[in-house]
């Protein structure tokens, strides 16, 4: 722990430095490859698996069952509608959820009866519900509308706060990077996209934005009063800011990820609670991806956008000349 603290202190003072900005081409290539894989692999696997909240369908819930074996449920549905492949999942220690495509009223009644017989439970312990596809379309549209409004407001607020739209551009790219990677990993592992998962996706934007603002605030402090401070170029000042906040970003991510990982484990393996699992998985992936994007995408991209400005190029030249004179 002491060595890690010393490492963080050395990064903050500049006694030790990790050349993150100077290797931005490498980070951009890694991010580009990760994004391509996140977009391609889910569709190569057959596309995303959407819950019935988005596609519409019938759902049956059983309570008080003595076994969590899913085979009887599959066979019960197949006996009524052989062409339908049901999605079965456990709920807690004595519950089961069976989701199917839309069934007729008669088919729903027969499936309900077949499930009750398969698990030897009273018919009253088997409930059925139906969700129409229009409801899923409505919440999808509202989620996309909310995401668009959120991104516009964030862009404007950051542009006003930092007094440069280029920080807003870099932050937006990092946010979209986080969304694509999180959704891609979600699709790769094959989890269903449910309203709970969408909530998780939107929540990680706030976390990623918080981490980005912390780093950008330090960048502004290091470049205040001139685009380069002392004998540092603009890129070196940005790199120093990233190094100074690196340990804080790591600590914040670890502290945030540990309880989310616990919720994910409990929701997926202990309780079998789909909502907890869906939200926790999106949050866990998003926290890790958000930390990466702040350090290796947002800050390097902002530096790239600013280095081409005439004023910054002039200050970089001055800093280089000053450094050469000090060496002589």
Protein backbone atom coordinates (compact mmCIF):
# COMPACT_ATOMS: atom_id res chain seq x y z
CA UNK A 1 0.00 0.00 0.00
CA UNK A 2 2.85 2.34 0.89
CA UNK A 3 4.54 1.70 -2.45
CA UNK A 4 1.29 2.37 -4.30
CA UNK A 5 0.88 5.63 -2.37
CA UNK A 6 4.45 6.60 -3.27
CA UNK A 7 3.73 5.70 -6.88
CA UNK A 8 0.71 8.02 -6.86
CA UNK A 9 2.73 10.79 -5.21
CA UNK A 10 5.47 10.45 -7.83
CA UNK A 11 2.90 10.70 -10.62
CA UNK A 12 1.38 13.79 -9.03
CA UNK A 13 4.67 15.62 -8.61
CA UNK A 14 6.01 14.59 -12.00
CA UNK A 15 8.90 12.60 -10.55
CA UNK A 16 7.50 9.65 -12.48
CA UNK A 17 5.45 9.83 -15.66
CA UNK A 18 3.53 7.42 -17.85
CA UNK A 19 3.51 8.62 -21.44
CA UNK A 20 -0.20 8.25 -22.10
CA UNK A 21 -0.69 11.21 -24.45
CA UNK A 22 2.40 10.40 -26.49
CA UNK A 23 1.07 6.90 -27.20
CA UNK A 24 -2.42 8.02 -28.15
CA UNK A 25 -2.23 6.37 -31.57
CA UNK A 26 -1.93 3.00 -29.81
CA UNK A 27 -4.92 3.71 -27.53
CA UNK A 28 -7.02 4.91 -30.46
CA UNK A 29 -6.23 1.73 -32.41
CA UNK A 30 -7.13 -0.44 -29.40
CA UNK A 31 -10.43 1.42 -28.97
CA UNK A 32 -11.22 1.20 -32.68
CA UNK A 33 -10.61 -2.55 -32.73
CA UNK A 34 -12.67 -3.03 -29.56
CA UNK A 35 -15.54 -1.03 -31.04
CA UNK A 36 -15.48 -3.01 -34.28
CA UNK A 37 -15.54 -6.28 -32.36
CA UNK A 38 -18.35 -4.99 -30.12
CA UNK A 39 -20.40 -4.14 -33.18
CA UNK A 40 -19.62 -7.24 -35.21
CA UNK A 41 -19.57 -10.18 -32.78
CA UNK A 42 -23.13 -9.80 -31.41
CA UNK A 43 -24.54 -9.79 -34.94
CA UNK A 44 -22.35 -12.71 -35.99
CA UNK A 45 -23.88 -14.59 -33.05
CA UNK A 46 -27.35 -13.81 -34.38
CA UNK A 47 -27.93 -10.34 -33.00
CA UNK A 48 -28.91 -9.07 -29.58
CA UNK A 49 -31.38 -10.97 -27.46
CA UNK A 50 -34.15 -8.58 -26.48
CA UNK A 51 -36.52 -9.30 -23.65
CA UNK A 52 -40.23 -9.55 -24.23
CA UNK A 53 -40.56 -6.01 -22.92
CA UNK A 54 -39.19 -4.94 -26.30
CA UNK A 55 -40.40 -7.72 -28.61
CA UNK A 56 -43.69 -8.58 -26.95
CA UNK A 57 -44.69 -12.05 -25.81
CA UNK A 58 -46.11 -14.17 -23.02
CA UNK A 59 -44.56 -14.76 -19.63
CA UNK A 60 -45.31 -17.42 -17.02
CA UNK A 61 -44.03 -17.36 -13.44
CA UNK A 62 -44.02 -20.35 -11.14
CA UNK A 63 -43.59 -20.16 -7.38
CA UNK A 64 -43.12 -22.82 -4.74
CA UNK A 65 -41.37 -25.30 -7.02
CA UNK A 66 -39.10 -27.94 -5.48
CA UNK A 67 -36.63 -28.22 -8.35
CA UNK A 68 -34.89 -25.63 -10.51
CA UNK A 69 -34.53 -28.03 -13.44
CA UNK A 70 -35.57 -26.14 -16.58
CA UNK A 71 -36.17 -29.18 -18.78
CA UNK A 72 -39.80 -29.78 -17.63
CA UNK A 73 -40.64 -26.16 -18.50
CA UNK A 74 -39.22 -26.50 -22.01
CA UNK A 75 -41.09 -29.75 -22.53
CA UNK A 76 -44.33 -28.26 -21.20
CA UNK A 77 -44.19 -25.38 -23.69
CA UNK A 78 -43.18 -27.70 -26.54
CA UNK A 79 -46.16 -29.95 -25.86
CA UNK A 80 -48.49 -27.03 -26.62
CA UNK A 81 -46.48 -24.99 -29.15
CA UNK A 82 -43.64 -27.12 -30.63
CA UNK A 83 -42.46 -24.29 -32.90
CA UNK A 84 -41.68 -21.95 -29.99
CA UNK A 85 -38.34 -21.99 -28.16
CA UNK A 86 -39.02 -20.78 -24.60
CA UNK A 87 -36.53 -18.81 -22.50
CA UNK A 88 -36.42 -20.21 -18.99
CA UNK A 89 -34.64 -18.69 -15.99
CA UNK A 90 -34.70 -19.26 -12.25
CA UNK A 91 -36.07 -16.64 -9.88
CA UNK A 92 -34.72 -17.00 -6.36
CA UNK A 93 -34.57 -20.48 -4.88
CA UNK A 94 -38.14 -21.60 -5.56
CA UNK A 95 -39.27 -19.68 -8.61
CA UNK A 96 -39.12 -20.01 -12.37
CA UNK A 97 -39.77 -17.61 -15.22
CA UNK A 98 -40.77 -18.85 -18.66
CA UNK A 99 -40.93 -16.43 -21.59
CA UNK A 100 -42.27 -17.27 -25.02
CA UNK A 101 -43.38 -15.58 -28.19
CA UNK A 102 -46.94 -14.33 -28.25
CA UNK A 103 -49.45 -17.11 -27.58
CA UNK A 104 -53.16 -17.18 -28.10
CA UNK A 105 -55.49 -17.23 -25.09
CA UNK A 106 -56.11 -20.96 -25.51
CA UNK A 107 -52.40 -21.71 -25.85
CA UNK A 108 -51.59 -19.63 -22.77
CA UNK A 109 -54.13 -21.56 -20.73
CA UNK A 110 -52.77 -24.89 -21.94
CA UNK A 111 -49.15 -23.88 -21.23
CA UNK A 112 -50.11 -22.71 -17.77
CA UNK A 113 -51.79 -26.02 -17.06
CA UNK A 114 -48.85 -27.97 -18.47
CA UNK A 115 -46.36 -26.06 -16.32
CA UNK A 116 -48.42 -26.67 -13.19
CA UNK A 117 -48.48 -30.39 -13.92
CA UNK A 118 -44.80 -30.52 -14.85
CA UNK A 119 -43.71 -29.05 -11.52
CA UNK A 120 -46.55 -30.50 -9.46
CA UNK A 121 -47.76 -27.17 -8.13
CA UNK A 122 -51.30 -25.75 -7.84
CA UNK A 123 -52.53 -23.87 -10.87
CA UNK A 124 -52.80 -20.74 -8.74
CA UNK A 125 -49.00 -20.77 -8.33
CA UNK A 126 -48.56 -20.32 -12.08
CA UNK A 127 -49.29 -16.78 -13.26
CA UNK A 128 -49.33 -15.55 -16.82
CA UNK A 129 -48.97 -12.12 -18.34
CA UNK A 130 -48.78 -10.65 -21.81
CA UNK A 131 -46.71 -7.72 -23.02
CA UNK A 132 -47.45 -6.14 -26.37
CA UNK A 133 -44.64 -5.02 -28.69
CA UNK A 134 -45.99 -1.45 -28.78
CA UNK A 135 -45.02 -0.98 -25.13
CA UNK A 136 -41.45 -1.96 -25.96
CA UNK A 137 -41.41 0.43 -28.89
CA UNK A 138 -42.61 3.24 -26.63
CA UNK A 139 -39.92 2.75 -23.97
CA UNK A 140 -37.25 2.37 -26.66
CA UNK A 141 -38.26 5.66 -28.21
CA UNK A 142 -38.34 7.36 -24.82
CA UNK A 143 -34.91 5.94 -23.90
CA UNK A 144 -33.37 7.20 -27.14
CA UNK A 145 -35.03 10.60 -26.71
CA UNK A 146 -33.73 10.85 -23.16
CA UNK A 147 -30.24 9.84 -24.30
CA UNK A 148 -30.22 12.50 -27.02
CA UNK A 149 -31.39 15.24 -24.65
CA UNK A 150 -28.82 14.14 -22.07
CA UNK A 151 -25.95 14.28 -24.56
CA UNK A 152 -26.98 17.72 -25.84
CA UNK A 153 -27.23 19.14 -22.32
CA UNK A 154 -23.89 17.61 -21.32
CA UNK A 155 -22.25 19.06 -24.42
CA UNK A 156 -23.56 22.56 -23.68
CA UNK A 157 -22.79 22.48 -19.94
CA UNK A 158 -19.23 21.27 -20.48
CA UNK A 159 -18.64 23.83 -23.22
CA UNK A 160 -19.77 26.61 -20.87
CA UNK A 161 -17.93 25.27 -17.81
CA UNK A 162 -14.60 24.62 -19.52
CA UNK A 163 -15.06 27.46 -22.04
CA UNK A 164 -14.07 25.28 -24.98
CA UNK A 165 -16.25 23.10 -27.15
CA UNK A 166 -13.33 20.78 -27.84
CA UNK A 167 -13.55 19.34 -24.34
CA UNK A 168 -17.23 18.69 -25.01
CA UNK A 169 -16.36 16.90 -28.24
CA UNK A 170 -13.80 14.71 -26.48
CA UNK A 171 -16.24 13.91 -23.68
CA UNK A 172 -19.02 12.99 -26.12
CA UNK A 173 -16.72 10.67 -28.04
CA UNK A 174 -15.74 8.98 -24.76
CA UNK A 175 -19.41 8.58 -23.76
CA UNK A 176 -20.35 7.03 -27.10
CA UNK A 177 -17.27 4.81 -26.83
CA UNK A 178 -18.51 3.60 -23.44
CA UNK A 179 -22.03 2.94 -24.70
CA UNK A 180 -20.91 0.94 -27.74
CA UNK A 181 -18.41 -1.17 -25.80
CA UNK A 182 -20.79 -1.84 -22.91
CA UNK A 183 -23.65 -2.78 -25.22
CA UNK A 184 -21.26 -4.88 -27.32
CA UNK A 185 -19.94 -6.86 -24.37
CA UNK A 186 -23.51 -7.27 -23.15
CA UNK A 187 -24.41 -8.76 -26.52
CA UNK A 188 -21.29 -10.95 -26.66
CA UNK A 189 -22.08 -12.68 -23.36
CA UNK A 190 -25.64 -13.24 -24.62
CA UNK A 191 -27.59 -11.55 -21.83
CA UNK A 192 -31.06 -10.30 -22.67
CA UNK A 193 -31.48 -6.58 -23.24
CA UNK A 194 -34.19 -5.57 -20.79
CA UNK A 195 -35.41 -2.21 -19.44
CA UNK A 196 -33.16 -2.84 -16.43
CA UNK A 197 -30.16 -3.16 -18.75
CA UNK A 198 -31.11 0.09 -20.49
CA UNK A 199 -31.22 1.80 -17.08
CA UNK A 200 -27.74 0.44 -16.45
CA UNK A 201 -26.49 1.75 -19.80
CA UNK A 202 -27.78 5.25 -19.05
CA UNK A 203 -26.41 5.18 -15.50
CA UNK A 204 -22.84 4.51 -16.61
CA UNK A 205 -22.88 7.72 -18.64
CA UNK A 206 -23.04 9.68 -15.40
CA UNK A 207 -20.09 7.78 -13.94
CA UNK A 208 -17.99 8.15 -17.08
CA UNK A 209 -18.81 11.84 -17.27
CA UNK A 210 -17.82 12.38 -13.64
CA UNK A 211 -14.41 10.79 -14.19
CA UNK A 212 -13.89 12.79 -17.37
CA UNK A 213 -14.75 16.10 -15.68
CA UNK A 214 -12.24 15.40 -12.89
CA UNK A 215 -9.45 14.82 -15.40
CA UNK A 216 -10.45 17.77 -17.60
CA UNK A 217 -10.56 20.05 -14.57
CA UNK A 218 -6.95 19.12 -13.81
CA UNK A 219 -6.00 19.68 -17.44
CA UNK A 220 -7.50 23.16 -17.31
CA UNK A 221 -5.57 23.87 -14.12
CA UNK A 222 -2.27 22.77 -15.70
CA UNK A 223 -2.80 24.85 -18.84
CA UNK A 224 -4.27 27.93 -17.17
CA UNK A 225 -2.54 31.24 -17.88
CA UNK A 226 -0.90 29.93 -21.04
CA UNK A 227 -1.21 26.87 -23.16
CA UNK A 228 2.09 25.57 -21.86
CA UNK A 229 3.45 26.02 -18.39
CA UNK A 230 7.16 26.45 -17.77
CA UNK A 231 9.05 24.24 -20.22
CA UNK A 232 6.19 21.79 -20.81
CA UNK A 233 4.39 21.59 -24.10
CA UNK A 234 0.61 21.44 -24.17
CA UNK A 235 0.64 17.66 -24.66
CA UNK A 236 3.03 17.28 -21.74
CA UNK A 237 0.79 19.40 -19.53
CA UNK A 238 -2.19 17.25 -20.46
CA UNK A 239 -0.15 14.12 -19.80
CA UNK A 240 0.84 15.44 -16.38
CA UNK A 241 -2.83 16.06 -15.55
CA UNK A 242 -3.74 12.51 -16.54
CA UNK A 243 -0.89 11.13 -14.42
CA UNK A 244 -1.91 13.29 -11.46
CA UNK A 245 -5.47 11.93 -11.54
CA UNK A 246 -4.59 8.37 -12.55
CA UNK A 247 -4.46 6.88 -9.06
CA UNK A 248 -7.66 8.68 -8.11
CA UNK A 249 -9.43 7.26 -11.17
CA UNK A 250 -8.21 3.74 -10.36
CA UNK A 251 -9.25 4.00 -6.70
CA UNK A 252 -12.66 5.40 -7.61
CA UNK A 253 -13.23 2.62 -10.13
CA UNK A 254 -12.25 -0.10 -7.68
CA UNK A 255 -14.45 1.32 -4.93
CA UNK A 256 -17.38 1.57 -7.36
CA UNK A 257 -16.82 -1.79 -9.05
CA UNK A 258 -16.56 -3.95 -5.91
CA UNK A 259 -20.13 -3.45 -4.62
CA UNK A 260 -21.49 -3.69 -8.16
CA UNK A 261 -19.61 -6.99 -8.59
CA UNK A 262 -21.18 -8.22 -5.35
CA UNK A 263 -24.65 -7.27 -6.61
CA UNK A 264 -23.91 -9.01 -9.92
CA UNK A 265 -22.83 -12.19 -8.14
CA UNK A 266 -25.85 -12.18 -5.82
CA UNK A 267 -28.29 -11.35 -8.60
CA UNK A 268 -26.91 -13.89 -11.07
CA UNK A 269 -25.92 -16.84 -8.89
CA UNK A 270 -27.58 -16.54 -5.49
CA UNK A 271 -31.03 -15.02 -5.96
CA UNK A 272 -31.41 -15.51 -9.69
CA UNK A 273 -32.90 -12.02 -9.83
CA UNK A 274 -32.89 -10.93 -13.45
CA UNK A 275 -33.30 -7.21 -12.75
CA UNK A 276 -30.34 -7.10 -10.35
CA UNK A 277 -28.21 -9.08 -12.77
CA UNK A 278 -29.08 -6.94 -15.78
CA UNK A 279 -28.39 -3.62 -14.06
CA UNK A 280 -25.25 -4.84 -12.28
CA UNK A 281 -23.68 -6.31 -15.42
CA UNK A 282 -24.17 -3.09 -17.37
CA UNK A 283 -22.80 -1.03 -14.47
CA UNK A 284 -19.80 -3.29 -13.89
CA UNK A 285 -18.76 -3.25 -17.54
CA UNK A 286 -19.50 0.46 -17.83
CA UNK A 287 -17.36 1.40 -14.83
CA UNK A 288 -14.32 -0.37 -16.24
CA UNK A 289 -14.85 0.93 -19.77
CA UNK A 290 -15.58 4.45 -18.49
CA UNK A 291 -12.31 4.58 -16.58
CA UNK A 292 -10.40 3.43 -19.66
CA UNK A 293 -12.09 5.95 -21.97
CA UNK A 294 -11.39 8.91 -19.67
CA UNK A 295 -7.68 8.17 -19.52
CA UNK A 296 -6.98 6.72 -22.95
CA UNK A 297 -9.63 8.32 -25.18
CA UNK A 298 -11.00 11.61 -23.84
CA UNK A 299 -7.74 13.23 -22.67
CA UNK A 300 -5.62 12.17 -25.68
CA UNK A 301 -8.37 13.25 -28.10
CA UNK A 302 -8.66 16.66 -26.43
CA UNK A 303 -4.90 17.12 -26.65
CA UNK A 304 -4.98 16.19 -30.34
CA UNK A 305 -7.73 18.72 -31.05
CA UNK A 306 -5.93 21.55 -29.26
CA UNK A 307 -2.37 20.95 -30.48
CA UNK A 308 -3.33 22.07 -33.99
CA UNK A 309 -4.35 25.54 -32.81
CA UNK A 310 -1.96 28.33 -33.73
CA UNK A 311 -1.75 29.65 -30.18
CA UNK A 312 -0.93 26.21 -28.79
CA UNK A 313 1.66 25.55 -31.50
CA UNK A 314 3.28 28.90 -30.70
CA UNK A 315 3.43 28.11 -26.98
CA UNK A 316 4.81 24.63 -27.68
CA UNK A 317 7.58 26.17 -29.74
CA UNK A 318 8.35 28.61 -26.95
CA UNK A 319 8.43 25.81 -24.37
CA UNK A 320 10.74 23.73 -26.55
CA UNK A 321 13.13 26.63 -27.03
CA UNK A 322 13.10 27.39 -23.33
CA UNK A 323 13.93 23.79 -22.52
CA UNK A 324 16.78 23.73 -25.03
CA UNK A 325 18.26 26.89 -23.51
CA UNK A 326 18.09 25.44 -20.02
CA UNK A 327 19.95 22.33 -21.19
CA UNK A 328 22.70 24.41 -22.76
